[in-house]
Amino acid sequence: MEKVNITLEDNLLSIYESKHKEGYILHPHRHEIHQILYAIDGHGEMMLDGQWYEFAQDHAVVITPNTLHAVQSERSLTVLVIAFKMDEEMPILPVHFFHTYYPLSQLIRTDKGTSTALRHIFRKMLFLHSKPEELNRWAARVQLCEVLIHLSKAREDIHNTKFPAMASRIKRYIEQHYYEIQSAADIAARHHMSVRYMDNLFKEHLQKTPVQYLTEVRVARAQTLLSESNHEIISICFEVGYESVSTFYRCFKQITGVTPQQYRKRIATQSIE
């Protein structure tokens, strides 16, 4: 594995944009300073100490010294890179800040409010860092502290939420679009992530994959239509999103234990009684 040396300015800070074309791979490497990588646009994956994560727009990664990491872009990926050295001259933040909030490298998915605030700070940092005056360079380090505090708050919000916002959005999307979703890839593309990452995220909090939940939603809707309407079963099949009647039968029986015809007869019998 490669150790990469990054040269910092006199004020121990460097900030720049890095654009990666589709299919780009930055192979595993380490360096002896801190980095913040922020996905401005695009989609890819980030590896931290051997584990891969989705890395997409408004995701941030705080990389601590000597962490093995890598980046690959599934499509064009623009990343803002902030490289810095944490020392006694870092303004505002006490020395124990990193020990408390960033003992290890981590990926943080920001919400709309946090991402808006961060983008404003990044623009200001780029402007300040472009100026030769020493005070402007040090002002950029003050802004860096703001970035780290915003990311720390976002990290705590995620840890304090039992059901992450992204998993909730995927769940809601399935409930509202069950009739037109054709595959797991459709759901993943809609939320700008890989199928593997989406499955892991959703399963962690619902103990099932999005496709399994999609099947449950479709079957529940079919049960309603079977009990409350006179629609033909084949019509119900297509109405809830299935292209194949045999697939509809198989999924329906797997969840309910009976076929659609048997379910309708059971409901009819119960209503008579």
Foldseek 3Di string as FASTA:
>chain_A
DAEDEDDDDPVFKDKDKDKDAAFDKFAWYFYAWKKKKAWCAAWWWKDWQHDIATHGHGKMKIAHGPITMMITGNGIIMIMMMTGHDDPPQPPDDPCPCVPQPVHIDMFRADPVLSVVLVVLSVQLVVLCVDPDPVSPSVSSVSVVVNVVSRSVRVVVQVPDLQDPLLVVLLVCLLVCLLADDDLVVSCVVSRTDSVNQQVNNCVRPVGGSVLSSLVSLLVVLLCCLLPHPDDSVVSCNRRHHPDPVVNQVSNCVVPVDGSVVSSVVSVVVVVD
